[in-house]
Every structure is written in structure tokens, then in C-alpha cells.
C-alpha atoms as a PDB file:
ATOM      1  CA  UNK A   1     131.074  55.126 110.522  1.00  0.00           C
ATOM      2  CA  UNK A   2     133.924  57.357 110.521  1.00  0.00           C
ATOM      3  CA  UNK A   3     135.006  58.484 106.595  1.00  0.00           C
ATOM      4  CA  UNK A   4     138.747  57.324 105.748  1.00  0.00           C
ATOM      5  CA  UNK A   5     141.419  59.410 105.847  1.00  0.00           C
ATOM      6  CA  UNK A   6     143.510  60.557 103.478  1.00  0.00           C
ATOM      7  CA  UNK A   7     147.414  60.344 103.481  1.00  0.00           C
ATOM      8  CA  UNK A   8     147.832  63.955 103.131  1.00  0.00           C
ATOM      9  CA  UNK A   9     145.362  64.906 106.569  1.00  0.00           C
ATOM     10  CA  UNK A  10     146.752  61.127 108.190  1.00  0.00           C
ATOM     11  CA  UNK A  11     150.246  63.754 107.742  1.00  0.00           C
ATOM     12  CA  UNK A  12     148.724  66.788 109.353  1.00  0.00           C
ATOM     13  CA  UNK A  13     147.118  64.653 112.316  1.00  0.00           C
ATOM     14  CA  UNK A  14     150.650  63.186 112.475  1.00  0.00           C
ATOM     15  CA  UNK A  15     152.658  66.096 112.875  1.00  0.00           C
ATOM     16  CA  UNK A  16     149.894  67.928 115.279  1.00  0.00           C
ATOM     17  CA  UNK A  17     150.125  65.095 117.634  1.00  0.00           C
ATOM     18  CA  UNK A  18     154.053  66.264 117.532  1.00  0.00           C
ATOM     19  CA  UNK A  19     152.869  69.447 118.976  1.00  0.00           C
ATOM     20  CA  UNK A  20     152.824  70.130 122.420  1.00  0.00           C
ATOM     21  CA  UNK A  21     149.410  71.123 123.755  1.00  0.00           C
ATOM     22  CA  UNK A  22     149.605  74.414 123.805  1.00  0.00           C
ATOM     23  CA  UNK A  23     150.960  74.332 119.983  1.00  0.00           C
ATOM     24  CA  UNK A  24     147.891  72.090 119.352  1.00  0.00           C
ATOM     25  CA  UNK A  25     145.518  74.600 120.858  1.00  0.00           C
ATOM     26  CA  UNK A  26     147.416  77.329 118.875  1.00  0.00           C
ATOM     27  CA  UNK A  27     146.444  75.397 115.989  1.00  0.00           C
ATOM     28  CA  UNK A  28     143.022  74.830 116.239  1.00  0.00           C
ATOM     29  CA  UNK A  29     142.554  78.830 116.687  1.00  0.00           C
ATOM     30  CA  UNK A  30     144.303  79.372 113.690  1.00  0.00           C
ATOM     31  CA  UNK A  31     142.544  76.637 111.946  1.00  0.00           C
ATOM     32  CA  UNK A  32     139.066  77.595 113.299  1.00  0.00           C
ATOM     33  CA  UNK A  33     140.058  81.708 111.931  1.00  0.00           C
ATOM     34  CA  UNK A  34     141.339  80.590 108.519  1.00  0.00           C
ATOM     35  CA  UNK A  35     137.615  78.511 108.309  1.00  0.00           C
ATOM     36  CA  UNK A  36     135.744  82.014 109.649  1.00  0.00           C
ATOM     37  CA  UNK A  37     137.814  83.724 107.007  1.00  0.00           C
ATOM     38  CA  UNK A  38     136.839  81.229 104.264  1.00  0.00           C
ATOM     39  CA  UNK A  39     132.630  81.041 105.132  1.00  0.00           C
ATOM     40  CA  UNK A  40     133.406  85.100 105.257  1.00  0.00           C
ATOM     41  CA  UNK A  41     134.814  84.827 101.475  1.00  0.00           C
ATOM     42  CA  UNK A  42     132.147  82.654 100.744  1.00  0.00           C
ATOM     43  CA  UNK A  43     128.836  84.437 102.018  1.00  0.00           C
ATOM     44  CA  UNK A  44     130.791  87.453 100.125  1.00  0.00           C
ATOM     45  CA  UNK A  45     130.928  85.365  96.754  1.00  0.00           C
ATOM     46  CA  UNK A  46     127.351  84.222  97.052  1.00  0.00           C
ATOM     47  CA  UNK A  47     126.040  87.719  97.955  1.00  0.00           C
ATOM     48  CA  UNK A  48     127.656  89.620  94.958  1.00  0.00           C
ATOM     49  CA  UNK A  49     126.554  86.233  92.758  1.00  0.00           C
ATOM     50  CA  UNK A  50     122.601  87.596  93.886  1.00  0.00           C
ATOM     51  CA  UNK A  51     123.309  90.646  93.171  1.00  0.00           C
ATOM     52  CA  UNK A  52     124.706  90.119  89.598  1.00  0.00           C
ATOM     53  CA  UNK A  53     121.766  88.052  89.085  1.00  0.00           C
ATOM     54  CA  UNK A  54     119.295  90.935  90.260  1.00  0.00           C
ATOM     55  CA  UNK A  55     120.881  93.589  88.050  1.00  0.00           C
ATOM     56  CA  UNK A  56     120.137  90.905  85.304  1.00  0.00           C
ATOM     57  CA  UNK A  57     116.573  90.821  85.799  1.00  0.00           C
ATOM     58  CA  UNK A  58     117.063  86.811  86.640  1.00  0.00           C
ATOM     59  CA  UNK A  59     115.266  86.919  90.215  1.00  0.00           C
ATOM     60  CA  UNK A  60     111.843  86.129  90.718  1.00  0.00           C
ATOM     61  CA  UNK A  61     109.642  88.324  93.064  1.00  0.00           C
ATOM     62  CA  UNK A  62     106.778  87.041  95.277  1.00  0.00           C
ATOM     63  CA  UNK A  63     106.220  86.715  99.029  1.00  0.00           C
ATOM     64  CA  UNK A  64     106.982  84.264 101.312  1.00  0.00           C
ATOM     65  CA  UNK A  65     104.354  82.093 100.785  1.00  0.00           C
ATOM     66  CA  UNK A  66     104.889  82.342  96.724  1.00  0.00           C
ATOM     67  CA  UNK A  67     108.207  81.046  97.220  1.00  0.00           C
ATOM     68  CA  UNK A  68     107.341  78.379 100.219  1.00  0.00           C
ATOM     69  CA  UNK A  69     105.022  76.836  97.350  1.00  0.00           C
ATOM     70  CA  UNK A  70     107.424  76.806  94.636  1.00  0.00           C
ATOM     71  CA  UNK A  71     109.417  74.402  96.958  1.00  0.00           C
ATOM     72  CA  UNK A  72     106.646  72.511  97.276  1.00  0.00           C
ATOM     73  CA  UNK A  73     106.067  73.408 100.581  1.00  0.00           C
ATOM     74  CA  UNK A  74     102.604  73.516 101.644  1.00  0.00           C
ATOM     75  CA  UNK A  75     101.171  74.854 104.904  1.00  0.00           C
ATOM     76  CA  UNK A  76      99.390  72.457 107.335  1.00  0.00           C
ATOM     77  CA  UNK A  77      96.835  74.909 108.640  1.00  0.00           C
ATOM     78  CA  UNK A  78      95.054  76.915 106.145  1.00  0.00           C
ATOM     79  CA  UNK A  79      92.003  79.404 105.996  1.00  0.00           C
ATOM     80  CA  UNK A  80      89.043  77.732 104.151  1.00  0.00           C
ATOM     81  CA  UNK A  81      86.052  79.350 103.885  1.00  0.00           C
ATOM     82  CA  UNK A  82      85.175  76.931 107.168  1.00  0.00           C
ATOM     83  CA  UNK A  83      88.079  78.815 109.019  1.00  0.00           C
ATOM     84  CA  UNK A  84      91.461  77.171 110.085  1.00  0.00           C
ATOM     85  CA  UNK A  85      91.583  74.236 108.566  1.00  0.00           C
ATOM     86  CA  UNK A  86      93.684  71.014 108.113  1.00  0.00           C
ATOM     87  CA  UNK A  87      95.228  71.353 104.620  1.00  0.00           C
ATOM     88  CA  UNK A  88      93.813  68.905 102.125  1.00  0.00           C
ATOM     89  CA  UNK A  89      91.139  67.733 104.817  1.00  0.00           C
ATOM     90  CA  UNK A  90      87.399  69.135 105.879  1.00  0.00           C
ATOM     91  CA  UNK A  91      88.617  69.401 110.276  1.00  0.00           C
ATOM     92  CA  UNK A  92      88.721  72.597 111.008  1.00  0.00           C
ATOM     93  CA  UNK A  93      91.042  73.555 113.865  1.00  0.00           C
ATOM     94  CA  UNK A  94      87.785  74.465 115.835  1.00  0.00           C
ATOM     95  CA  UNK A  95      86.835  70.464 115.699  1.00  0.00           C
ATOM     96  CA  UNK A  96      90.655  70.450 117.248  1.00  0.00           C
ATOM     97  CA  UNK A  97      89.797  72.809 119.576  1.00  0.00           C
ATOM     98  CA  UNK A  98      86.863  70.865 120.961  1.00  0.00           C
ATOM     99  CA  UNK A  99      88.400  67.395 121.951  1.00  0.00           C
ATOM    100  CA  UNK A 100      91.566  70.090 123.044  1.00  0.00           C
ATOM    101  CA  UNK A 101      89.068  71.785 125.503  1.00  0.00           C
ATOM    102  CA  UNK A 102      87.731  68.215 127.351  1.00  0.00           C
ATOM    103  CA  UNK A 103      91.378  67.396 127.591  1.00  0.00           C
ATOM    104  CA  UNK A 104      92.168  64.759 125.040  1.00  0.00           C
ATOM    105  CA  UNK A 105      95.847  64.409 124.552  1.00  0.00           C
ATOM    106  CA  UNK A 106      97.121  65.800 120.936  1.00  0.00           C
ATOM    107  CA  UNK A 107      97.659  61.616 120.143  1.00  0.00           C
ATOM    108  CA  UNK A 108      94.298  60.708 120.992  1.00  0.00           C
ATOM    109  CA  UNK A 109      93.118  63.577 118.615  1.00  0.00           C
ATOM    110  CA  UNK A 110      95.432  62.733 115.889  1.00  0.00           C
ATOM    111  CA  UNK A 111      94.415  58.689 115.756  1.00  0.00           C
ATOM    112  CA  UNK A 112      90.825  59.381 116.100  1.00  0.00           C
ATOM    113  CA  UNK A 113      90.504  62.439 112.900  1.00  0.00           C
ATOM    114  CA  UNK A 114      93.145  59.901 111.481  1.00  0.00           C
ATOM    115  CA  UNK A 115      96.361  62.478 111.216  1.00  0.00           C
ATOM    116  CA  UNK A 116      99.912  62.471 110.619  1.00  0.00           C
ATOM    117  CA  UNK A 117     102.370  63.241 113.375  1.00  0.00           C
ATOM    118  CA  UNK A 118     103.599  66.108 111.066  1.00  0.00           C
ATOM    119  CA  UNK A 119     100.267  67.457 111.016  1.00  0.00           C
ATOM    120  CA  UNK A 120      98.957  67.153 114.288  1.00  0.00           C
ATOM    121  CA  UNK A 121     102.393  68.450 115.400  1.00  0.00           C
ATOM    122  CA  UNK A 122     102.111  71.286 112.746  1.00  0.00           C
ATOM    123  CA  UNK A 123      98.484  72.350 114.096  1.00  0.00           C
ATOM    124  CA  UNK A 124      99.487  72.381 117.957  1.00  0.00           C
ATOM    125  CA  UNK A 125     101.756  74.221 117.043  1.00  0.00           C
ATOM    126  CA  UNK A 126      99.942  76.751 115.171  1.00  0.00           C
ATOM    127  CA  UNK A 127      97.395  77.227 118.086  1.00  0.00           C
ATOM    128  CA  UNK A 128     100.484  77.918 120.705  1.00  0.00           C
ATOM    129  CA  UNK A 129     101.957  80.322 117.851  1.00  0.00           C
ATOM    130  CA  UNK A 130      98.495  81.871 117.723  1.00  0.00           C
ATOM    131  CA  UNK A 131      96.521  81.018 120.726  1.00  0.00           C
ATOM    132  CA  UNK A 132      95.170  85.107 121.096  1.00  0.00           C
ATOM    133  CA  UNK A 133      93.405  84.409 117.547  1.00  0.00           C
ATOM    134  CA  UNK A 134      92.506  81.032 117.290  1.00  0.00           C
ATOM    135  CA  UNK A 135      90.696  81.163 120.925  1.00  0.00           C
ATOM    136  CA  UNK A 136      89.097  84.416 119.625  1.00  0.00           C
ATOM    137  CA  UNK A 137      87.236  82.400 116.793  1.00  0.00           C
ATOM    138  CA  UNK A 138      86.948  79.691 118.995  1.00  0.00           C
ATOM    139  CA  UNK A 139      84.695  81.293 120.793  1.00  0.00           C
ATOM    140  CA  UNK A 140      82.986  83.193 117.877  1.00  0.00           C
ATOM    141  CA  UNK A 141      82.445  79.253 116.345  1.00  0.00           C
ATOM    142  CA  UNK A 142      80.837  78.106 119.949  1.00  0.00           C
ATOM    143  CA  UNK A 143      78.310  81.288 119.713  1.00  0.00           C
ATOM    144  CA  UNK A 144      77.104  80.833 116.326  1.00  0.00           C
ATOM    145  CA  UNK A 145      76.588  77.221 116.806  1.00  0.00           C
ATOM    146  CA  UNK A 146      74.687  77.759 119.740  1.00  0.00           C
ATOM    147  CA  UNK A 147      72.713  80.772 118.218  1.00  0.00           C
ATOM    148  CA  UNK A 148      71.769  78.072 115.389  1.00  0.00           C
ATOM    149  CA  UNK A 149      70.873  75.524 117.398  1.00  0.00           C
ATOM    150  CA  UNK A 150      68.622  77.611 119.560  1.00  0.00           C
ATOM    151  CA  UNK A 151      66.795  78.483 116.092  1.00  0.00           C
ATOM    152  CA  UNK A 152      66.293  74.798 115.347  1.00  0.00           C
ATOM    153  CA  UNK A 153      65.210  74.095 118.251  1.00  0.00           C
ATOM    154  CA  UNK A 154      62.735  76.577 118.651  1.00  0.00           C
ATOM    155  CA  UNK A 155      61.396  76.371 115.129  1.00  0.00           C
ATOM    156  CA  UNK A 156      60.957  72.474 115.457  1.00  0.00           C
ATOM    157  CA  UNK A 157      59.269  72.631 118.269  1.00  0.00           C
ATOM    158  CA  UNK A 158      55.795  73.081 116.997  1.00  0.00           C
ATOM    159  CA  UNK A 159      56.364  70.212 114.281  1.00  0.00           C
ATOM    160  CA  UNK A 160      57.976  68.055 117.430  1.00  0.00           C
ATOM    161  CA  UNK A 161      54.549  68.550 119.257  1.00  0.00           C
ATOM    162  CA  UNK A 162      52.717  67.309 116.064  1.00  0.00           C
ATOM    163  CA  UNK A 163      54.646  64.655 115.367  1.00  0.00           C
ATOM    164  CA  UNK A 164      54.058  63.118 118.921  1.00  0.00           C
ATOM    165  CA  UNK A 165      50.036  63.709 118.288  1.00  0.00           C
ATOM    166  CA  UNK A 166      48.038  61.560 116.228  1.00  0.00           C
ATOM    167  CA  UNK A 167      46.851  63.222 113.349  1.00  0.00           C
ATOM    168  CA  UNK A 168      44.428  60.729 111.933  1.00  0.00           C
ATOM    169  CA  UNK A 169      41.045  60.072 113.549  1.00  0.00           C
ATOM    170  CA  UNK A 170      41.184  56.029 114.639  1.00  0.00           C
ATOM    171  CA  UNK A 171      45.014  56.179 116.025  1.00  0.00           C
ATOM    172  CA  UNK A 172      43.853  56.951 118.806  1.00  0.00           C
ATOM    173  CA  UNK A 173      42.784  53.218 119.258  1.00  0.00           C
ATOM    174  CA  UNK A 174      45.856  52.110 117.685  1.00  0.00           C
ATOM    175  CA  UNK A 175      48.347  53.941 119.822  1.00  0.00           C
ATOM    176  CA  UNK A 176      46.563  52.378 122.907  1.00  0.00           C
ATOM    177  CA  UNK A 177      46.678  48.953 121.606  1.00  0.00           C
ATOM    178  CA  UNK A 178      50.204  49.481 120.883  1.00  0.00           C
ATOM    179  CA  UNK A 179      50.991  50.740 124.457  1.00  0.00           C
ATOM    180  CA  UNK A 180      49.348  47.794 126.167  1.00  0.00           C
ATOM    181  CA  UNK A 181      51.165  45.422 124.011  1.00  0.00           C
ATOM    182  CA  UNK A 182      54.846  47.321 125.566  1.00  0.00           C
ATOM    183  CA  UNK A 183      53.437  47.241 128.649  1.00  0.00           C
ATOM    184  CA  UNK A 184      53.128  43.286 128.875  1.00  0.00           C
ATOM    185  CA  UNK A 185      56.546  43.101 126.902  1.00  0.00           C
ATOM    186  CA  UNK A 186      58.065  45.520 129.491  1.00  0.00           C
ATOM    187  CA  UNK A 187      59.465  43.769 132.741  1.00  0.00           C
ATOM    188  CA  UNK A 188      57.901  44.758 136.059  1.00  0.00           C
END
């Protein structure tokens, strides 16, 4: 829907319609230059106001992050004690990287983790812009995970072997009966 045209503007349009094409082009160029001059003057005025506010001590100092927080903008990707994570969740970027490595599309990852469109878009954007850093951290996480898995597997190997053996006298007989029942119930 177009805005209603004021009578004054309508009169200017009618006058412009009466001009030749060359005069109309010239008019457009004049209006364009005047608009640029107006915008420059507005910018100069705003800079002067900002300088005056600075000199009067009305300016707050801080980082870009401080400004973003003050404006209510919260980044989607944050660094926590678990590493790079999605703000407000316990989901790390390394979790997302697992699924990306398995060739899952972003919309399926979004649905799997119950993320918003903005969250998955911000995460994908962050990964793309910081690919080297994210991939290096991801490799470290995978190495640490593998080391932890091997540690617990070795530590529990004895325990699993102990669990598999009957420890109380007489259990051998019970286990034999169970094995016989199992053999009868399984189809041949």
C-alpha cells in the first residue's frame, strides 16, 4: 500500500511531469545531491552532539560485549567451562560437530536438539567464521574422549571379568540349570 501524497508533493509531481526527460533527469540529480548534503549535515550534527556528550562525561565506556549486553543482545555461542556452547543450553558445539561430521543437515540437527532457527543459523555461522579454531578444539575433545574411554575400559576389564564369574559356591549348578532352560526355549 502506498502512502497518501500531500497536496504540495502532488503539485511538485505534476510540475515534474510537465518537464522534458532531460529536465527530469536534471531535477533528479539536483534532488539526489541535496539529499546527500542533508544527510552529511545530519551526520555532522550527530558527531558534534556525540563530542559534546563525551566532553560532558555523558558517554559510557565499555567493550563491544558490554554494549551488546546493554542493548539486550545475547550471543548464541558462548564459552563455558564445558567449552563452546549454545547459550542457555547444555549443548556444546562439539555435540553439533559430531552430527555435522556424520553429514546430518542443519535442519535435522536443529530438530534433534530442539533448537530455534536462529540458534542453528548462529551456530552454523559461528562454525563457518571460526572453522580452524572450532575444528582444533573439536579434535582435542575427541582425543580426550578416546583417552577417557580407554582408561575406563582398562580399569573395568578386571571388574567385568569378575562379574562374569560365579563368586558364591553353588552358583555353578544354578547357572547350568539356567543355561539348560535357555537352550530349551531358544528355537533350533
